[in-house]
């Protein structure tokens, strides 16, 4: 459980850094973003690439970037 939260946080951090959005999201927001992005990314793109704690990293980051692009404005 704790490992999954840590992976979600890392995915949220990477997605926010790549997309330049979600700077003011906070730790819990980035963890939630990473977990939801992992679910969406693995649903849309499958499980390929490096895997950490049963989470495919690349599809998860892509899913988190999609969520940021849809739901997060650049100036907030």
Protein backbone atom coordinates (compact mmCIF):
# COMPACT_ATOMS: atom_id res chain seq x y z
CA UNK A 1 0.00 0.00 0.00
CA UNK A 2 2.70 2.47 0.97
CA UNK A 3 4.76 1.47 -2.05
CA UNK A 4 1.82 2.17 -4.37
CA UNK A 5 1.36 5.62 -2.84
CA UNK A 6 5.04 6.36 -3.31
CA UNK A 7 4.92 5.26 -6.96
CA UNK A 8 1.79 7.40 -7.46
CA UNK A 9 3.59 10.40 -5.99
CA UNK A 10 6.60 9.89 -8.25
CA UNK A 11 4.37 9.57 -11.32
CA UNK A 12 2.51 12.75 -10.33
CA UNK A 13 5.79 14.63 -9.87
CA UNK A 14 7.12 13.54 -13.27
CA UNK A 15 3.86 14.33 -15.06
CA UNK A 16 3.66 17.80 -13.48
CA UNK A 17 7.28 18.51 -14.40
CA UNK A 18 6.83 17.41 -18.01
CA UNK A 19 3.58 19.30 -18.59
CA UNK A 20 4.42 22.45 -16.57
CA UNK A 21 1.04 22.21 -14.82
CA UNK A 22 0.03 21.47 -11.26
CA UNK A 23 2.79 23.42 -9.54
CA UNK A 24 0.52 24.31 -6.62
CA UNK A 25 -1.10 20.88 -6.37
CA UNK A 26 0.73 19.66 -3.24
CA UNK A 27 1.84 16.20 -2.18
CA UNK A 28 -1.60 14.67 -1.77
CA UNK A 29 -2.81 16.09 -5.07
CA UNK A 30 0.20 14.75 -6.93
CA UNK A 31 -0.21 11.34 -5.31
CA UNK A 32 -3.90 11.27 -6.27
CA UNK A 33 -3.00 12.41 -9.79
CA UNK A 34 -0.36 9.70 -10.08
CA UNK A 35 -2.71 6.96 -8.91
CA UNK A 36 -5.54 8.03 -11.22
CA UNK A 37 -3.11 8.58 -14.07
CA UNK A 38 -1.68 5.10 -13.57
CA UNK A 39 -5.14 3.57 -13.82
CA UNK A 40 -6.07 5.59 -16.88
CA UNK A 41 -2.73 5.10 -18.62
CA UNK A 42 -2.65 1.36 -18.12
CA UNK A 43 -6.26 1.09 -19.25
CA UNK A 44 -5.61 3.07 -22.43
CA UNK A 45 -2.07 1.99 -23.31
CA UNK A 46 -1.61 -1.37 -21.58
CA UNK A 47 1.31 -2.51 -19.44
CA UNK A 48 4.62 -2.04 -21.24
CA UNK A 49 7.94 -0.50 -20.40
CA UNK A 50 9.57 -0.52 -16.97
CA UNK A 51 7.42 -1.76 -14.10
CA UNK A 52 7.71 -0.59 -10.50
CA UNK A 53 5.47 -2.14 -7.81
CA UNK A 54 3.23 -3.68 -10.51
CA UNK A 55 2.76 -0.28 -12.19
CA UNK A 56 3.95 0.31 -15.74
CA UNK A 57 5.75 3.64 -15.51
CA UNK A 58 5.52 5.07 -19.05
CA UNK A 59 1.78 4.45 -19.63
CA UNK A 60 1.10 5.78 -16.12
CA UNK A 61 2.96 9.02 -16.79
CA UNK A 62 1.09 9.43 -20.08
CA UNK A 63 -2.23 8.91 -18.27
CA UNK A 64 -1.31 11.49 -15.62
CA UNK A 65 -0.33 14.01 -18.32
CA UNK A 66 -3.69 13.45 -20.01
CA UNK A 67 -5.50 14.13 -16.72
CA UNK A 68 -3.45 17.29 -16.16
CA UNK A 69 -4.17 18.52 -19.68
CA UNK A 70 -7.91 17.99 -19.27
CA UNK A 71 -8.55 19.11 -15.70
CA UNK A 72 -5.77 21.53 -14.67
CA UNK A 73 -5.40 25.06 -15.96
CA UNK A 74 -1.89 26.35 -16.57
CA UNK A 75 -2.20 29.44 -14.35
CA UNK A 76 -3.65 27.67 -11.28
